[in-house]
């Protein structure tokens, strides 16, 4: 008698069911312990990265706005400084003109005083020269005529 033995690749018995139940429990536990927390962590990271990208974009926008405001403020300050510089330059020019005019007036006054002094000295010198010329002419005439000349 021959024993026919057949070997099957998969035998459907209670071990298969136990292995299937064990595999499903393993999947459930892995899903609960590992996959869900990992997915939650990845979701939180994606949200964090998205939030950071939004904050970066907002910060970039604010930075650009601040740069524009800063440039506008700088331009306004430059205009104001140029205006103040022109004002100071004009004030300085007016003060210089005033000082020059005062100096010219003082020079004219000094010139006038000197002119008066000079005219007075010339007048005194002419009087002195006239008297000296008269004395000298009388002396010359006396010498030429060899006699006294009467004055008068």
N, C-alpha and C. Protein backbone atom coordinates (compact mmCIF):
# COMPACT_ATOMS: atom_id res chain seq x y z
N UNK A 1 0.77 -1.12 0.00
CA UNK A 1 0.00 0.00 0.00
C UNK A 1 0.85 1.24 0.00
N UNK A 2 0.39 1.96 -0.76
CA UNK A 2 1.11 3.20 -1.00
C UNK A 2 0.40 4.32 -0.25
N UNK A 3 1.20 5.12 0.39
CA UNK A 3 0.62 6.26 1.10
C UNK A 3 0.81 7.47 0.17
N UNK A 4 -0.25 8.03 -0.13
CA UNK A 4 -0.19 9.20 -0.99
C UNK A 4 -0.13 10.41 -0.07
N UNK A 5 0.86 11.03 -0.32
CA UNK A 5 1.08 12.21 0.51
C UNK A 5 1.02 13.43 -0.40
N UNK A 6 0.28 14.32 -0.06
CA UNK A 6 0.23 15.53 -0.84
C UNK A 6 0.63 16.70 0.06
N UNK A 7 1.45 17.38 -0.50
CA UNK A 7 1.90 18.55 0.25
C UNK A 7 1.34 19.79 -0.45
N UNK A 8 0.70 20.51 0.31
CA UNK A 8 0.14 21.71 -0.26
C UNK A 8 0.98 22.92 0.18
N UNK A 9 0.97 23.90 -0.65
CA UNK A 9 1.74 25.11 -0.34
C UNK A 9 1.12 25.84 0.83
N UNK A 10 -0.14 25.98 0.79
CA UNK A 10 -0.85 26.64 1.87
C UNK A 10 -1.90 25.66 2.35
N UNK A 11 -1.84 25.47 3.60
CA UNK A 11 -2.88 24.63 4.15
C UNK A 11 -3.80 25.52 4.96
N UNK A 12 -5.02 25.39 4.78
CA UNK A 12 -5.98 26.21 5.48
C UNK A 12 -6.33 25.53 6.79
N UNK A 13 -5.71 25.93 7.80
CA UNK A 13 -6.02 25.39 9.11
C UNK A 13 -6.00 26.52 10.13
N UNK A 14 -6.09 26.18 11.37
CA UNK A 14 -6.20 27.20 12.41
C UNK A 14 -4.94 28.05 12.57
N UNK A 15 -3.76 27.55 12.18
CA UNK A 15 -2.53 28.35 12.27
C UNK A 15 -2.62 29.55 11.34
N UNK A 16 -3.19 29.35 10.21
CA UNK A 16 -3.30 30.45 9.26
C UNK A 16 -4.21 31.54 9.84
N UNK A 17 -5.25 31.15 10.43
CA UNK A 17 -6.17 32.12 11.02
C UNK A 17 -5.48 32.82 12.18
N UNK A 18 -4.76 32.07 12.98
CA UNK A 18 -4.04 32.67 14.11
C UNK A 18 -2.99 33.65 13.59
N UNK A 19 -2.29 33.26 12.54
CA UNK A 19 -1.27 34.17 11.96
C UNK A 19 -1.93 35.40 11.37
N UNK A 20 -3.07 35.21 10.73
CA UNK A 20 -3.79 36.35 10.15
C UNK A 20 -4.26 37.30 11.25
N UNK A 21 -4.82 36.75 12.32
CA UNK A 21 -5.27 37.57 13.44
C UNK A 21 -4.07 38.27 14.07
N UNK A 22 -2.97 37.56 14.24
CA UNK A 22 -1.75 38.12 14.82
C UNK A 22 -1.22 39.25 13.93
N UNK A 23 -1.25 39.06 12.62
CA UNK A 23 -0.78 40.09 11.68
C UNK A 23 -1.66 41.34 11.75
N UNK A 24 -2.96 41.14 11.82
CA UNK A 24 -3.87 42.27 11.91
C UNK A 24 -3.67 43.03 13.22
N UNK A 25 -3.47 42.31 14.31
CA UNK A 25 -3.19 42.97 15.59
C UNK A 25 -1.88 43.74 15.50
N UNK A 26 -0.89 43.13 14.86
CA UNK A 26 0.41 43.79 14.68
C UNK A 26 0.24 45.07 13.86
N UNK A 27 -0.54 45.02 12.76
CA UNK A 27 -0.79 46.20 11.94
C UNK A 27 -1.50 47.28 12.74
N UNK A 28 -2.51 46.86 13.53
CA UNK A 28 -3.24 47.82 14.35
C UNK A 28 -2.30 48.51 15.35
N UNK A 29 -1.46 47.72 16.01
CA UNK A 29 -0.52 48.27 17.00
C UNK A 29 0.53 49.18 16.33
N UNK A 30 1.08 48.72 15.22
CA UNK A 30 2.07 49.53 14.50
C UNK A 30 1.44 50.85 14.06
N UNK A 31 0.21 50.76 13.57
CA UNK A 31 -0.50 51.97 13.14
C UNK A 31 -0.69 52.91 14.34
N UNK A 32 -1.11 52.37 15.47
CA UNK A 32 -1.37 53.19 16.65
C UNK A 32 -0.06 53.72 17.27
N UNK A 33 0.92 52.89 17.37
CA UNK A 33 2.15 53.25 18.09
C UNK A 33 3.11 54.04 17.21
N UNK A 34 3.23 53.70 15.93
CA UNK A 34 4.28 54.26 15.11
C UNK A 34 3.79 55.16 14.00
N UNK A 35 2.86 54.71 13.21
CA UNK A 35 2.49 55.41 11.99
C UNK A 35 1.69 56.66 12.30
N UNK A 36 0.68 56.58 13.15
CA UNK A 36 -0.12 57.77 13.47
C UNK A 36 0.73 58.86 14.14
N UNK A 37 1.52 58.55 15.16
CA UNK A 37 2.36 59.61 15.74
C UNK A 37 3.33 60.20 14.72
N UNK A 38 3.87 59.33 13.86
CA UNK A 38 4.78 59.81 12.82
C UNK A 38 4.04 60.72 11.84
N UNK A 39 2.83 60.32 11.44
CA UNK A 39 2.03 61.16 10.55
C UNK A 39 1.64 62.47 11.24
N UNK A 40 1.28 62.38 12.52
CA UNK A 40 0.96 63.61 13.27
C UNK A 40 2.17 64.54 13.33
N UNK A 41 3.34 63.96 13.60
CA UNK A 41 4.56 64.76 13.67
C UNK A 41 4.88 65.38 12.31
N UNK A 42 4.71 64.60 11.24
CA UNK A 42 4.95 65.13 9.90
C UNK A 42 3.95 66.23 9.57
N UNK A 43 2.68 66.04 9.99
CA UNK A 43 1.66 67.06 9.75
C UNK A 43 2.00 68.33 10.50
N UNK A 44 2.40 68.18 11.78
CA UNK A 44 2.79 69.34 12.57
C UNK A 44 3.98 70.06 11.93
N UNK A 45 4.94 69.30 11.44
CA UNK A 45 6.12 69.90 10.79
C UNK A 45 5.71 70.64 9.52
N UNK A 46 4.83 70.01 8.71
CA UNK A 46 4.35 70.69 7.51
C UNK A 46 3.64 71.99 7.86
N UNK A 47 2.79 71.94 8.90
CA UNK A 47 2.09 73.15 9.35
C UNK A 47 3.09 74.19 9.86
N UNK A 48 4.08 73.73 10.62
CA UNK A 48 5.10 74.64 11.15
C UNK A 48 5.89 75.28 10.00
N UNK A 49 6.28 74.45 9.03
CA UNK A 49 7.03 74.97 7.87
C UNK A 49 6.17 75.93 7.07
N UNK A 50 4.89 75.58 6.87
CA UNK A 50 3.97 76.49 6.17
C UNK A 50 3.81 77.80 6.93
N UNK A 51 3.65 77.69 8.25
CA UNK A 51 3.54 78.89 9.08
C UNK A 51 4.81 79.73 8.98
N UNK A 52 5.95 79.07 9.03
CA UNK A 52 7.23 79.80 8.92
C UNK A 52 7.35 80.47 7.55
N UNK A 53 6.93 79.79 6.48
CA UNK A 53 6.96 80.40 5.15
C UNK A 53 6.07 81.63 5.10
N UNK A 54 4.88 81.51 5.69
CA UNK A 54 3.97 82.68 5.74
C UNK A 54 4.59 83.82 6.53
N UNK A 55 5.17 83.49 7.67
CA UNK A 55 5.82 84.53 8.49
C UNK A 55 7.00 85.15 7.75
N UNK A 56 7.75 84.32 7.01
CA UNK A 56 8.88 84.84 6.22
C UNK A 56 8.36 85.79 5.15
N UNK A 57 7.28 85.41 4.48
CA UNK A 57 6.71 86.28 3.45
C UNK A 57 6.20 87.58 4.06
N UNK A 58 5.52 87.47 5.22
CA UNK A 58 5.04 88.68 5.90
C UNK A 58 6.21 89.56 6.32
N UNK A 59 7.24 88.92 6.87
CA UNK A 59 8.43 89.67 7.30
C UNK A 59 9.13 90.32 6.11
N UNK A 60 9.18 89.60 5.00
CA UNK A 60 9.79 90.16 3.79
C UNK A 60 8.99 91.37 3.32
N UNK A 61 7.67 91.25 3.34
CA UNK A 61 6.81 92.38 2.97
C UNK A 61 7.03 93.56 3.90
N UNK A 62 7.07 93.29 5.21
CA UNK A 62 7.30 94.36 6.18
C UNK A 62 8.68 94.99 5.97
N UNK A 63 9.68 94.14 5.69
CA UNK A 63 11.03 94.65 5.45
C UNK A 63 11.05 95.55 4.22
N UNK A 64 10.38 95.14 3.16
CA UNK A 64 10.32 95.97 1.96
C UNK A 64 9.61 97.29 2.25
N UNK A 65 8.51 97.21 3.01
CA UNK A 65 7.79 98.44 3.39
C UNK A 65 8.69 99.34 4.23
N UNK A 66 9.39 98.76 5.19
CA UNK A 66 10.31 99.55 6.03
C UNK A 66 11.42 100.17 5.19
N UNK A 67 11.93 99.41 4.21
CA UNK A 67 12.97 99.96 3.33
C UNK A 67 12.42 101.14 2.53
N UNK A 68 11.19 101.00 2.00
CA UNK A 68 10.58 102.11 1.26
C UNK A 68 10.41 103.33 2.18
N UNK A 69 9.86 103.06 3.39
CA UNK A 69 9.67 104.16 4.33
C UNK A 69 11.00 104.82 4.69
N UNK A 70 12.01 103.99 4.89
CA UNK A 70 13.34 104.51 5.23
C UNK A 70 13.90 105.36 4.09
N UNK A 71 13.74 104.90 2.85
CA UNK A 71 14.23 105.67 1.71
C UNK A 71 13.45 106.98 1.58
N UNK A 72 12.13 106.93 1.79
CA UNK A 72 11.33 108.15 1.74
C UNK A 72 11.76 109.12 2.83
N UNK A 73 11.97 108.58 4.03
CA UNK A 73 12.41 109.42 5.15
C UNK A 73 13.79 110.01 4.86
N UNK A 74 14.67 109.17 4.31
CA UNK A 74 16.02 109.64 3.97
C UNK A 74 15.94 110.76 2.91
N UNK A 75 15.09 110.56 1.91
CA UNK A 75 14.93 111.58 0.87
C UNK A 75 14.38 112.88 1.47
N UNK A 76 13.41 112.74 2.38
CA UNK A 76 12.84 113.93 3.03
C UNK A 76 13.91 114.64 3.85
N UNK A 77 14.71 113.88 4.56
CA UNK A 77 15.78 114.49 5.37
C UNK A 77 16.83 115.16 4.48
N UNK A 78 17.14 114.54 3.35
CA UNK A 78 18.10 115.15 2.42
C UNK A 78 17.54 116.44 1.86
N UNK A 79 16.24 116.42 1.49
CA UNK A 79 15.63 117.66 0.99
C UNK A 79 15.65 118.74 2.07
N UNK A 80 15.31 118.35 3.28
CA UNK A 80 15.30 119.31 4.40
C UNK A 80 16.70 119.84 4.67
N UNK A 81 17.69 118.95 4.62
CA UNK A 81 19.08 119.38 4.85
C UNK A 81 19.53 120.33 3.74
N UNK A 82 19.17 120.02 2.49
CA UNK A 82 19.53 120.91 1.39
C UNK A 82 18.85 122.25 1.53
N UNK A 83 17.59 122.23 1.96
CA UNK A 83 16.86 123.48 2.17
C UNK A 83 17.53 124.30 3.27
N UNK A 84 17.88 123.63 4.35
CA UNK A 84 18.55 124.31 5.48
C UNK A 84 19.91 124.84 5.04
N UNK A 85 20.61 124.05 4.22
CA UNK A 85 21.92 124.49 3.73
C UNK A 85 21.77 125.75 2.88
N UNK A 86 20.76 125.74 1.98
CA UNK A 86 20.53 126.91 1.14
C UNK A 86 20.15 128.12 1.98
N UNK A 87 19.32 127.88 3.00
CA UNK A 87 18.92 128.97 3.88
C UNK A 87 20.13 129.55 4.61
N UNK A 88 20.97 128.66 5.15
CA UNK A 88 22.17 129.12 5.85
C UNK A 88 23.12 129.84 4.89
N UNK A 89 23.21 129.33 3.67
CA UNK A 89 24.07 129.96 2.67
C UNK A 89 23.56 131.37 2.36
N UNK A 90 22.25 131.50 2.18
CA UNK A 90 21.66 132.82 1.91
C UNK A 90 21.85 133.76 3.10
N UNK A 91 21.62 133.23 4.31
CA UNK A 91 21.83 134.05 5.51
C UNK A 91 23.28 134.50 5.60
N UNK A 92 24.20 133.58 5.33
CA UNK A 92 25.63 133.91 5.35
C UNK A 92 25.97 134.96 4.32
N UNK A 93 25.38 134.84 3.13
CA UNK A 93 25.63 135.83 2.07
C UNK A 93 25.10 137.20 2.50
N UNK A 94 23.90 137.21 3.10
CA UNK A 94 23.34 138.49 3.56
C UNK A 94 24.21 139.09 4.66
N UNK A 95 24.66 138.28 5.57
CA UNK A 95 25.51 138.79 6.65
C UNK A 95 26.84 139.29 6.09
N UNK A 96 27.39 138.57 5.11
CA UNK A 96 28.64 139.00 4.50
C UNK A 96 28.44 140.34 3.79
N UNK A 97 27.32 140.49 3.07
CA UNK A 97 27.01 141.76 2.40
C UNK A 97 26.87 142.88 3.42
N UNK A 98 26.21 142.57 4.52
CA UNK A 98 26.02 143.58 5.58
C UNK A 98 27.38 143.99 6.16
N UNK A 99 28.22 143.01 6.43
CA UNK A 99 29.55 143.32 6.97
C UNK A 99 30.35 144.12 5.97
N UNK A 100 30.29 143.74 4.68
CA UNK A 100 31.01 144.48 3.65
C UNK A 100 30.49 145.91 3.55
N UNK A 101 29.18 146.08 3.63
CA UNK A 101 28.59 147.42 3.56
C UNK A 101 29.03 148.26 4.75
N UNK A 102 29.03 147.63 5.94
CA UNK A 102 29.51 148.35 7.13
C UNK A 102 30.97 148.73 6.99
N UNK A 103 31.78 147.81 6.43
CA UNK A 103 33.20 148.09 6.23
C UNK A 103 33.37 149.23 5.22
N UNK A 104 32.57 149.21 4.14
CA UNK A 104 32.65 150.29 3.14
C UNK A 104 32.27 151.63 3.77
N UNK A 105 31.20 151.59 4.60
CA UNK A 105 30.77 152.83 5.26
C UNK A 105 31.85 153.34 6.21
N UNK A 106 32.47 152.41 6.92
CA UNK A 106 33.55 152.80 7.84
C UNK A 106 34.73 153.36 7.06
N UNK A 107 35.04 152.73 5.94
CA UNK A 107 36.14 153.23 5.09
C UNK A 107 35.80 154.63 4.59
N UNK A 108 34.54 154.83 4.17
CA UNK A 108 34.13 156.17 3.70
C UNK A 108 34.26 157.19 4.84
N UNK A 109 33.83 156.80 6.05
CA UNK A 109 33.95 157.71 7.19
C UNK A 109 35.41 158.04 7.47
N UNK A 110 36.25 157.01 7.49
CA UNK A 110 37.68 157.23 7.73
C UNK A 110 38.28 158.09 6.62
N UNK A 111 37.88 157.81 5.38
CA UNK A 111 38.38 158.59 4.25
C UNK A 111 37.96 160.06 4.39
N UNK A 112 36.68 160.27 4.79
CA UNK A 112 36.19 161.63 4.98
C UNK A 112 36.98 162.35 6.08
N UNK A 113 37.19 161.64 7.19
CA UNK A 113 37.96 162.25 8.28
C UNK A 113 39.39 162.56 7.83
N UNK A 114 39.98 161.61 7.13
CA UNK A 114 41.35 161.83 6.63
C UNK A 114 41.39 162.98 5.64
N UNK A 115 40.35 163.08 4.81
CA UNK A 115 40.28 164.18 3.84
C UNK A 115 40.22 165.52 4.56
N UNK A 116 39.39 165.58 5.63
CA UNK A 116 39.29 166.81 6.41
C UNK A 116 40.63 167.16 7.06
N UNK A 117 41.26 166.15 7.65
CA UNK A 117 42.57 166.37 8.29
C UNK A 117 43.57 166.84 7.25
N UNK A 118 43.56 166.19 6.09
CA UNK A 118 44.49 166.55 5.02
C UNK A 118 44.24 167.98 4.54
N UNK A 119 42.97 168.33 4.34
CA UNK A 119 42.65 169.69 3.90
C UNK A 119 43.07 170.72 4.95
N UNK A 120 42.85 170.41 6.22
CA UNK A 120 43.25 171.31 7.29
C UNK A 120 44.77 171.48 7.30
N UNK A 121 45.50 170.34 7.15
CA UNK A 121 46.96 170.41 7.13
C UNK A 121 47.45 171.18 5.91
N UNK A 122 46.79 170.93 4.76
CA UNK A 122 47.17 171.66 3.53
C UNK A 122 46.91 173.15 3.71
N UNK A 123 45.77 173.48 4.33
CA UNK A 123 45.43 174.89 4.56
C UNK A 123 46.46 175.53 5.49
N UNK A 124 46.79 174.84 6.56
CA UNK A 124 47.79 175.37 7.49
C UNK A 124 49.14 175.48 6.81
N UNK A 125 49.47 174.46 6.01
CA UNK A 125 50.75 174.49 5.31
C UNK A 125 50.77 175.63 4.31
N UNK A 126 49.68 175.90 3.61
CA UNK A 126 49.63 177.02 2.66
C UNK A 126 49.81 178.35 3.38
N UNK A 127 49.13 178.47 4.52
CA UNK A 127 49.30 179.71 5.29
C UNK A 127 50.76 179.87 5.70
N UNK A 128 51.33 178.79 6.18
CA UNK A 128 52.72 178.83 6.61
C UNK A 128 53.63 179.13 5.42
N UNK A 129 53.32 178.49 4.28
CA UNK A 129 54.14 178.72 3.08
C UNK A 129 53.97 180.17 2.61
N UNK A 130 52.77 180.71 2.68
CA UNK A 130 52.54 182.10 2.27
C UNK A 130 53.36 183.06 3.13
N UNK A 131 53.31 182.83 4.43
CA UNK A 131 54.09 183.72 5.30
C UNK A 131 55.58 183.53 5.05
N UNK A 132 56.00 182.31 4.87
CA UNK A 132 57.42 182.07 4.60
C UNK A 132 57.79 182.63 3.23
N UNK A 133 56.90 182.49 2.24
CA UNK A 133 57.17 183.02 0.90
C UNK A 133 57.26 184.54 0.94
N UNK A 134 56.39 185.15 1.73
CA UNK A 134 56.41 186.61 1.85
C UNK A 134 57.71 187.06 2.50
N UNK A 135 58.12 186.39 3.56
CA UNK A 135 59.38 186.73 4.22
C UNK A 135 60.55 186.52 3.27
N UNK A 136 60.50 185.41 2.57
CA UNK A 136 61.58 185.10 1.64
C UNK A 136 61.62 186.10 0.50
N UNK A 137 60.46 186.48 -0.05
CA UNK A 137 60.44 187.44 -1.15
C UNK A 137 60.95 188.80 -0.68
N UNK A 138 60.60 189.20 0.53
CA UNK A 138 61.09 190.46 1.07
C UNK A 138 62.59 190.38 1.22
N UNK A 139 63.10 189.30 1.73
CA UNK A 139 64.53 189.14 1.92
C UNK A 139 65.25 189.17 0.58
N UNK A 140 64.67 188.48 -0.42
CA UNK A 140 65.30 188.47 -1.75
C UNK A 140 65.30 189.87 -2.32
N UNK A 141 64.22 190.57 -2.19
CA UNK A 141 64.15 191.93 -2.73
C UNK A 141 65.15 192.84 -2.01
N UNK A 142 65.28 192.69 -0.72
CA UNK A 142 66.24 193.50 0.01
C UNK A 142 67.65 193.19 -0.46
N UNK A 143 67.91 191.92 -0.68
CA UNK A 143 69.24 191.55 -1.15
C UNK A 143 69.48 192.07 -2.56
N UNK A 144 68.49 191.99 -3.39
CA UNK A 144 68.67 192.45 -4.76
C UNK A 144 68.78 193.97 -4.76
N UNK A 145 68.00 194.64 -4.05
CA UNK A 145 68.01 196.10 -4.07
C UNK A 145 69.03 196.69 -3.07
N UNK A 146 69.59 195.96 -2.29
CA UNK A 146 70.53 196.36 -1.27
C UNK A 146 69.98 197.42 -0.36
N UNK A 147 68.73 197.33 -0.04
CA UNK A 147 68.14 198.27 0.87
C UNK A 147 66.89 197.68 1.49
N UNK A 148 66.37 198.28 2.48
CA UNK A 148 65.21 197.78 3.20
C UNK A 148 63.95 198.07 2.42
N UNK A 149 63.06 197.16 2.45
CA UNK A 149 61.78 197.30 1.76
C UNK A 149 60.73 197.47 2.85
N UNK A 150 59.87 198.43 2.60
CA UNK A 150 58.82 198.65 3.60
C UNK A 150 57.64 197.73 3.27
N UNK A 151 57.11 197.28 4.29
CA UNK A 151 55.97 196.36 4.10
C UNK A 151 54.70 197.14 4.29
N UNK A 152 53.91 196.91 3.43
CA UNK A 152 52.66 197.40 3.69
C UNK A 152 51.92 198.25 2.91
